[in-house]
Protein backbone atom coordinates (compact mmCIF):
# COMPACT_ATOMS: atom_id res chain seq x y z
CA MET A 1 29.25 31.58 1.16
CA SER A 2 31.64 30.85 -1.63
CA ASP A 3 30.69 31.24 -5.34
CA SER A 4 32.63 28.15 -6.37
CA PRO A 5 30.52 24.97 -6.94
CA ARG A 6 30.36 22.93 -3.68
CA THR A 7 29.75 19.20 -3.51
CA ALA A 8 28.52 17.61 -0.25
CA PRO A 9 31.04 16.08 2.26
CA ASP A 10 31.04 12.71 3.47
CA PHE A 11 28.28 12.41 5.98
CA PRO A 12 28.08 9.73 8.46
CA VAL A 13 26.74 6.52 7.06
CA TRP A 14 23.39 4.88 8.04
CA PRO A 15 22.73 2.41 9.55
CA GLN A 16 25.31 2.69 12.16
CA PHE A 17 26.51 -0.33 13.93
CA ASP A 18 29.56 -1.65 15.84
CA ASP A 19 30.67 -4.58 18.05
CA ALA A 20 27.31 -4.25 20.07
CA GLU A 21 25.28 -5.42 17.17
CA ARG A 22 27.77 -8.20 16.27
CA ALA A 23 27.70 -9.42 19.83
CA GLY A 24 23.96 -9.37 19.92
CA LEU A 25 23.67 -11.41 16.59
CA VAL A 26 26.11 -14.02 18.04
CA ARG A 27 24.16 -14.01 21.35
CA ALA A 28 21.05 -14.77 19.51
CA LEU A 29 22.72 -17.40 17.35
CA ASP A 30 24.18 -19.17 20.25
CA GLN A 31 20.81 -19.49 22.01
CA GLY A 32 19.89 -22.23 19.61
CA GLN A 33 16.30 -20.88 19.49
CA TRP A 34 15.85 -18.11 16.90
CA TRP A 35 12.11 -17.32 17.42
CA ARG A 36 10.56 -15.31 20.25
CA MET A 37 8.89 -18.21 21.93
CA GLY A 38 12.15 -20.01 22.55
CA GLY A 39 14.67 -17.17 23.03
CA GLY A 40 15.06 -14.19 25.20
CA GLU A 41 16.18 -11.34 22.91
CA VAL A 42 12.56 -10.15 21.83
CA ASP A 43 11.32 -10.32 25.47
CA ALA A 44 14.33 -8.33 26.59
CA PHE A 45 13.97 -5.73 23.87
CA GLU A 46 10.30 -5.19 24.61
CA ARG A 47 11.08 -4.54 28.37
CA GLU A 48 13.87 -2.05 27.32
CA PHE A 49 11.92 -0.29 24.71
CA ALA A 50 8.83 0.16 26.83
CA GLU A 51 10.86 1.60 29.68
CA TYR A 52 12.74 4.00 27.30
CA HIS A 53 9.40 5.36 26.09
CA GLY A 54 7.60 5.50 29.45
CA ALA A 55 5.07 2.69 28.59
CA PRO A 56 4.10 -0.21 30.73
CA TYR A 57 4.04 -2.65 27.70
CA ALA A 58 5.59 -2.99 24.40
CA LEU A 59 5.10 -5.64 21.71
CA ALA A 60 7.74 -6.27 18.98
CA VAL A 61 6.36 -6.99 15.52
CA THR A 62 7.57 -7.52 11.96
CA ASN A 63 7.34 -3.91 10.72
CA GLY A 64 5.78 -0.47 11.39
CA THR A 65 2.84 -1.03 9.00
CA HIS A 66 1.95 -4.23 10.94
CA ALA A 67 2.33 -2.29 14.15
CA LEU A 68 -0.34 0.19 13.03
CA GLU A 69 -2.67 -2.53 11.76
CA LEU A 70 -2.38 -4.37 15.10
CA ALA A 71 -3.02 -1.20 17.07
CA LEU A 72 -5.97 -0.39 15.06
CA GLN A 73 -7.45 -3.93 15.22
CA VAL A 74 -7.07 -4.02 19.00
CA LEU A 75 -9.39 -0.88 19.08
CA GLY A 76 -11.94 -2.56 16.94
CA VAL A 77 -11.35 -0.74 13.77
CA GLY A 78 -12.97 -2.48 10.78
CA PRO A 79 -15.76 -2.38 8.24
CA GLY A 80 -18.13 0.43 8.98
CA THR A 81 -15.62 2.64 10.87
CA GLU A 82 -13.50 5.62 10.01
CA VAL A 83 -9.95 6.58 10.96
CA ILE A 84 -8.84 10.15 10.81
CA VAL A 85 -5.32 10.53 9.38
CA PRO A 86 -3.14 13.37 8.15
CA GLY A 87 -3.17 13.95 4.40
CA PHE A 88 0.60 14.48 4.66
CA THR A 89 2.12 11.18 5.84
CA PHE A 90 3.64 8.08 4.50
CA ILE A 91 0.84 5.95 3.11
CA SER A 92 1.09 3.21 5.61
CA SER A 93 -0.87 5.42 7.97
CA SER A 94 -4.00 5.22 5.86
CA GLN A 95 -3.44 1.77 4.34
CA ALA A 96 -3.26 0.16 7.84
CA ALA A 97 -6.80 1.29 8.44
CA GLN A 98 -7.96 0.50 4.93
CA ARG A 99 -6.63 -3.05 5.06
CA LEU A 100 -8.92 -3.63 8.04
CA GLY A 101 -11.92 -2.62 6.05
CA ALA A 102 -12.23 0.96 7.50
CA VAL A 103 -12.39 4.24 5.70
CA ALA A 104 -9.28 6.53 6.01
CA VAL A 105 -10.28 10.09 6.27
CA PRO A 106 -7.54 12.63 5.36
CA VAL A 107 -7.40 16.05 7.15
CA ASP A 108 -5.21 18.97 7.03
CA VAL A 109 -1.94 19.67 8.81
CA ASP A 110 -0.25 22.64 10.48
CA PRO A 111 1.72 24.59 7.94
CA ASP A 112 4.69 25.20 10.26
CA THR A 113 4.95 21.78 12.05
CA TYR A 114 3.50 19.60 9.21
CA CYS A 115 1.64 17.82 12.11
CA LEU A 116 -2.14 16.99 12.40
CA ASP A 117 -4.24 20.13 12.63
CA PRO A 118 -6.56 19.62 15.61
CA ALA A 119 -9.26 21.95 14.42
CA ALA A 120 -9.45 19.79 11.07
CA VAL A 121 -9.59 16.62 13.26
CA GLU A 122 -12.55 17.99 15.26
CA ALA A 123 -14.39 18.95 12.11
CA ALA A 124 -13.94 15.43 10.58
CA ILE A 125 -15.29 13.42 13.53
CA THR A 126 -18.52 11.44 12.84
CA PRO A 127 -20.45 8.76 14.61
CA ARG A 128 -18.36 6.30 12.61
CA THR A 129 -14.90 7.71 13.79
CA ALA A 130 -13.12 4.89 15.51
CA ALA A 131 -9.69 6.29 15.93
CA ILE A 132 -7.63 9.42 15.40
CA MET A 133 -4.01 8.92 14.16
CA PRO A 134 -1.60 11.61 15.01
CA VAL A 135 1.59 11.15 12.99
CA HIS A 136 4.63 12.86 14.77
CA MET A 137 6.06 14.25 11.54
CA ALA A 138 9.77 13.97 11.15
CA GLY A 139 9.98 13.46 14.96
CA HIS A 140 8.08 16.63 15.94
CA PHE A 141 5.18 15.66 18.34
CA CYS A 142 1.73 16.58 17.27
CA ASP A 143 -0.25 19.03 19.59
CA MET A 144 -1.14 16.33 22.19
CA ASP A 145 -2.80 18.86 24.57
CA ALA A 146 -5.49 19.77 21.80
CA LEU A 147 -5.76 16.17 20.51
CA GLY A 148 -5.93 14.74 24.00
CA LYS A 149 -8.90 17.16 24.80
CA ILE A 150 -10.73 16.10 21.53
CA SER A 151 -10.21 12.47 22.41
CA ALA A 152 -11.55 12.94 25.94
CA ASN A 153 -14.52 15.02 24.81
CA THR A 154 -15.59 12.58 22.04
CA GLY A 155 -14.52 9.22 23.39
CA VAL A 156 -12.46 8.50 20.14
CA PRO A 157 -9.20 7.06 21.10
CA LEU A 158 -5.78 8.33 19.66
CA ILE A 159 -3.38 5.99 18.06
CA GLN A 160 0.10 7.63 17.81
CA ASP A 161 1.96 6.98 14.59
CA ALA A 162 5.41 7.29 16.14
CA ALA A 163 7.39 5.81 13.26
CA HIS A 164 9.50 9.07 13.36
CA ALA A 165 9.41 9.79 16.94
CA HIS A 166 11.68 7.33 18.86
CA GLY A 167 12.80 9.13 21.98
CA ALA A 168 10.60 12.30 21.39
CA THR A 169 8.95 14.14 24.22
CA TRP A 170 6.15 16.67 24.57
CA GLN A 171 6.24 18.85 27.60
CA GLY A 172 8.68 16.31 29.23
CA ARG A 173 6.41 13.29 28.51
CA ARG A 174 7.52 10.41 26.36
CA VAL A 175 5.37 8.77 23.84
CA GLY A 176 4.25 6.06 26.16
CA GLU A 177 3.31 8.58 28.84
CA HIS A 178 0.51 10.13 26.78
CA GLY A 179 -1.66 7.02 27.25
CA GLY A 180 -3.34 4.76 24.67
CA ILE A 181 -1.49 3.02 22.00
CA ALA A 182 1.52 4.05 19.85
CA ALA A 183 3.23 2.35 16.82
CA PHE A 184 6.84 2.52 15.82
CA SER A 185 8.91 1.48 12.92
CA PHE A 186 12.44 0.06 12.59
CA GLN A 187 12.69 0.12 8.92
CA ASN A 188 16.30 0.57 7.41
CA GLY A 189 16.07 4.40 7.34
CA LYS A 190 14.47 4.84 10.76
CA LEU A 191 16.16 6.32 13.87
CA MET A 192 16.87 2.88 15.06
CA THR A 193 16.74 -0.16 12.72
CA ALA A 194 17.14 -3.78 12.15
CA GLY A 195 16.32 -3.49 8.41
CA GLU A 196 12.71 -4.03 9.20
CA GLY A 197 10.72 -4.25 12.37
CA GLY A 198 8.18 -2.40 14.42
CA ALA A 199 6.71 -2.11 17.92
CA VAL A 200 3.53 -1.19 19.62
CA THR A 201 3.35 0.29 23.09
CA PHE A 202 0.31 -0.10 25.42
CA CYS A 203 -0.83 1.31 28.77
CA ASP A 204 -3.76 -1.15 29.03
CA PRO A 205 -2.78 -4.77 29.99
CA ASP A 206 -5.91 -6.21 28.43
CA GLN A 207 -5.11 -4.45 25.13
CA PHE A 208 -1.56 -5.59 25.37
CA GLU A 209 -2.67 -9.27 25.84
CA GLN A 210 -5.14 -9.12 23.01
CA ALA A 211 -2.49 -7.78 20.74
CA PHE A 212 -0.05 -10.44 21.79
CA LEU A 213 -2.65 -13.17 20.76
CA ARG A 214 -3.39 -11.38 17.44
CA HIS A 215 0.25 -11.03 16.49
CA SER A 216 0.83 -14.73 17.11
CA CYS A 217 -2.00 -16.41 15.24
CA GLY A 218 -4.19 -16.20 18.25
CA ARG A 219 -2.13 -18.56 20.26
CA PRO A 220 -1.27 -17.87 24.07
CA ARG A 221 2.35 -17.75 25.00
CA THR A 222 2.49 -21.15 26.55
CA ASP A 223 0.11 -22.95 24.09
CA ARG A 224 1.24 -26.45 23.09
CA ARG A 225 -2.15 -27.77 21.90
CA TYR A 226 -2.91 -25.29 19.03
CA LEU A 227 -5.57 -23.42 21.04
CA HIS A 228 -5.99 -20.39 18.89
CA GLN A 229 -8.16 -18.17 21.08
CA THR A 230 -8.63 -15.27 18.47
CA SER A 231 -8.19 -14.59 14.86
CA GLY A 232 -4.80 -13.18 14.06
CA SER A 233 -1.68 -13.44 11.84
CA ASN A 234 2.03 -13.90 12.26
CA PHE A 235 3.55 -10.61 13.15
CA ARG A 236 6.23 -12.04 15.43
CA MET A 237 9.70 -10.44 15.43
CA ASN A 238 12.59 -12.84 15.27
CA GLU A 239 15.44 -13.05 17.81
CA PHE A 240 18.21 -11.67 15.50
CA SER A 241 16.28 -8.38 14.71
CA ALA A 242 15.53 -7.92 18.52
CA SER A 243 19.31 -8.41 19.28
CA VAL A 244 20.24 -5.70 16.73
CA LEU A 245 17.59 -3.33 18.10
CA ARG A 246 18.79 -3.62 21.62
CA ALA A 247 22.24 -2.32 20.61
CA GLN A 248 20.47 0.44 18.48
CA LEU A 249 18.34 1.59 21.38
CA ALA A 250 21.38 1.86 23.63
CA ARG A 251 22.95 4.56 21.30
CA LEU A 252 19.77 6.29 20.37
CA GLY A 253 19.80 8.87 23.05
CA GLY A 254 23.29 10.12 22.16
CA GLN A 255 22.32 10.35 18.41
CA ILE A 256 19.33 12.38 19.45
CA ASP A 257 21.48 14.77 21.54
CA LEU A 258 23.65 15.38 18.51
CA ARG A 259 20.79 16.04 16.13
CA GLU A 260 19.26 18.41 18.62
CA GLN A 261 22.50 20.37 18.61
CA ARG A 262 22.86 20.39 14.79
CA TRP A 263 19.29 21.15 13.69
CA PRO A 264 19.11 24.71 15.21
CA LEU A 265 22.32 25.55 13.42
CA LEU A 266 21.12 24.10 10.09
CA ALA A 267 17.76 25.63 10.43
CA GLY A 268 19.22 28.90 11.13
CA LEU A 269 21.54 28.70 8.04
CA LEU A 270 18.66 27.50 5.83
CA GLY A 271 16.48 30.32 6.95
CA GLN A 272 18.92 32.85 5.86
CA ILE A 273 18.57 31.64 2.25
CA PRO A 274 15.80 33.62 0.42
CA GLY A 275 12.71 31.43 -0.17
CA VAL A 276 13.64 28.70 2.30
CA VAL A 277 11.47 28.05 5.17
CA PRO A 278 12.68 25.29 7.77
CA GLN A 279 10.08 23.14 9.43
CA GLY A 280 9.01 25.06 12.72
CA ARG A 281 8.95 23.86 16.29
CA ASP A 282 6.33 24.11 19.00
CA PRO A 283 8.19 24.94 22.18
CA ARG A 284 6.17 22.22 23.92
CA CYS A 285 7.99 19.65 21.74
CA ASP A 286 10.97 19.70 24.03
CA ARG A 287 12.86 16.72 22.56
CA ASN A 288 12.88 16.05 18.80
CA PRO A 289 14.82 13.26 17.46
CA HIS A 290 14.78 14.84 13.93
CA TYR A 291 14.00 11.89 11.62
CA MET A 292 14.07 14.30 8.94
CA ALA A 293 15.76 17.68 8.26
CA MET A 294 12.66 19.28 6.59
CA PHE A 295 12.16 22.61 4.87
CA ARG A 296 9.82 24.19 2.32
CA LEU A 297 10.17 26.40 -0.77
CA PRO A 298 6.84 28.30 -0.87
CA GLY A 299 6.04 29.11 -4.39
CA PHE A 300 7.58 26.12 -5.95
CA ASP A 301 5.46 23.62 -7.70
CA GLU A 302 5.93 19.93 -7.75
CA ASP A 303 8.02 19.72 -10.96
CA ARG A 304 10.35 22.54 -10.05
CA ARG A 305 10.87 21.14 -6.47
CA ASN A 306 11.53 17.63 -7.94
CA ALA A 307 14.09 19.12 -10.32
CA LEU A 308 15.79 20.88 -7.46
CA VAL A 309 15.87 17.59 -5.43
CA ASP A 310 17.58 15.86 -8.44
CA ASP A 311 20.14 18.52 -8.46
CA LEU A 312 20.82 18.44 -4.72
CA VAL A 313 21.28 14.59 -5.05
CA GLU A 314 23.76 15.18 -7.98
CA ARG A 315 25.72 17.52 -5.75
CA GLY A 316 25.92 14.88 -3.10
CA LEU A 317 23.11 15.58 -0.60
CA PRO A 318 20.88 12.77 0.55
CA ALA A 319 17.77 14.91 -0.33
CA PHE A 320 14.26 13.64 -1.05
CA ALA A 321 10.93 15.19 -2.13
CA ALA A 322 8.37 15.43 0.61
CA PHE A 323 5.51 12.82 0.67
CA ARG A 324 2.79 13.38 -1.86
CA ALA A 325 -0.68 13.83 -0.42
CA ILE A 326 -1.88 10.27 0.35
CA TYR A 327 -5.03 10.82 -1.60
CA ARG A 328 -3.04 11.67 -4.67
CA SER A 329 -1.70 7.99 -4.80
CA ALA A 330 -3.73 5.34 -6.80
CA GLY A 331 -3.36 2.95 -3.97
CA PHE A 332 -5.28 5.15 -1.53
CA TRP A 333 -8.50 4.76 -3.82
CA GLU A 334 -8.39 0.92 -4.08
CA THR A 335 -10.29 0.44 -1.00
CA GLY A 336 -11.42 2.40 2.06
CA ALA A 337 -11.50 5.68 0.50
CA PRO A 338 -13.97 8.44 1.44
CA GLN A 339 -16.94 9.29 -0.85
CA GLU A 340 -15.15 12.35 -2.14
CA THR A 341 -13.12 13.39 -5.06
CA VAL A 342 -9.40 14.11 -5.01
CA ASP A 343 -10.30 17.80 -5.62
CA GLN A 344 -12.77 17.71 -2.65
CA ILE A 345 -10.29 16.35 -0.30
CA ALA A 346 -7.49 18.78 -1.56
CA GLY A 347 -9.87 21.59 -1.11
CA ARG A 348 -10.08 21.12 2.65
CA CYS A 349 -6.21 20.20 2.90
CA PRO A 350 -4.50 23.28 1.48
CA ASN A 351 -1.45 22.77 3.70
CA VAL A 352 -1.06 19.20 2.63
CA GLU A 353 -1.29 20.30 -0.87
CA ALA A 354 1.37 22.98 -0.40
CA ILE A 355 3.82 20.91 1.55
CA GLY A 356 3.49 17.91 -0.80
CA ALA A 357 4.50 20.29 -3.70
CA ASP A 358 7.18 22.42 -2.26
CA GLY A 359 8.68 20.26 0.70
CA ILE A 360 12.13 18.73 0.74
CA TRP A 361 13.83 16.67 3.47
CA LEU A 362 17.43 15.53 4.04
CA HIS A 363 18.18 12.13 5.56
CA HIS A 364 18.69 12.38 9.41
CA ARG A 365 22.41 11.18 8.98
CA THR A 366 23.28 14.63 7.85
CA LEU A 367 22.50 15.81 11.40
CA LEU A 368 25.04 13.47 12.83
CA GLY A 369 27.71 15.44 10.91
CA THR A 370 29.98 18.33 11.91
CA GLU A 371 29.09 22.02 12.37
CA GLU A 372 31.18 22.59 9.15
CA GLN A 373 29.00 20.07 7.36
CA MET A 374 25.82 22.12 8.31
CA HIS A 375 27.34 25.10 6.65
CA ALA A 376 28.26 23.00 3.52
CA ILE A 377 24.58 21.90 3.33
CA ALA A 378 23.43 25.50 3.38
CA GLU A 379 25.90 26.52 0.76
CA ILE A 380 25.06 23.69 -1.55
CA LEU A 381 21.30 24.56 -1.30
CA ALA A 382 21.97 28.17 -1.98
CA GLN A 383 24.05 27.30 -4.97
CA ALA A 384 21.40 24.93 -6.34
CA LEU A 385 18.61 27.40 -5.88
CA ALA A 386 20.63 30.14 -7.70
CA ALA A 387 21.07 27.71 -10.63
CA ALA A 388 17.36 26.60 -10.67
């Protein structure tokens, strides 16, 4: 690596779009009906998205947080119940349960993959546990073999938070082929996006139909008499968003292929830098879409890590500090928190604590760059660490 200061190259932009998105927007516009009950874009997107992920059904919604809320609601999560979530995740994972009146129970994660630790899950199950929420962190599948056994043995259903996992597979099985319910996000930074949006996939037709009612104020599809059969809200996706997402889905596979080529190169280069530990990979996770290019700096504290992130950004890298432990945010304690202190939860989540303090991630658009750009990333990080 060169000793001269290096600034980042121009990585591919995100979001990516072309005439396919433009054509979709015009197509939706020309329908003359811009909501899902009158147009055809949302219905078409749901069919295409479900097929891509190996699920019988998909329901498009307004955002990923609403997708989680709807999934939990269908399973009866509410007051008096608990939902097990990883302590290391974006806070929507816990807030979705808390907004329904449930208690979110944070547990530890694997130090290598940053995904839910099955042993910690098993230890946290109580008679009040209504759901277990594996978060496929940065696109890496959780250990669905172990978690599936826990679910089967206890009767507690899994709800996959697949906000990072569009197109991921575990032992050849796509998200929808693991059974149960999964929730996705299409927020602006996600692997496919319409600015905002979400989807829930289902295997059970009754759960799908219940979710449809609840996402549309309790109204059946053909209702013209205001026959609200259940309680609910308006989580309906509009036709314009769906038209964009159809184009985004069509190019997702090729983007994943490229990221899968670039990450081993970048991870190998990062691993050669003293003190840098890239996110690991379970060989059973045979397709990872790489929502984040993540690595750790063991021994760094949060302040030192944050200073390094600021330096990397100044050098032109789209770098971010890893998520803080969810229980270290004030919003976690507003409602639906366990009867524990921060220190008590932290004491049983040592890996969450460590990753939250020393973890860094790069935007996935970096992995759409060239091999030369992977070398540039490693060189910039090495220089920034030397100056830290």
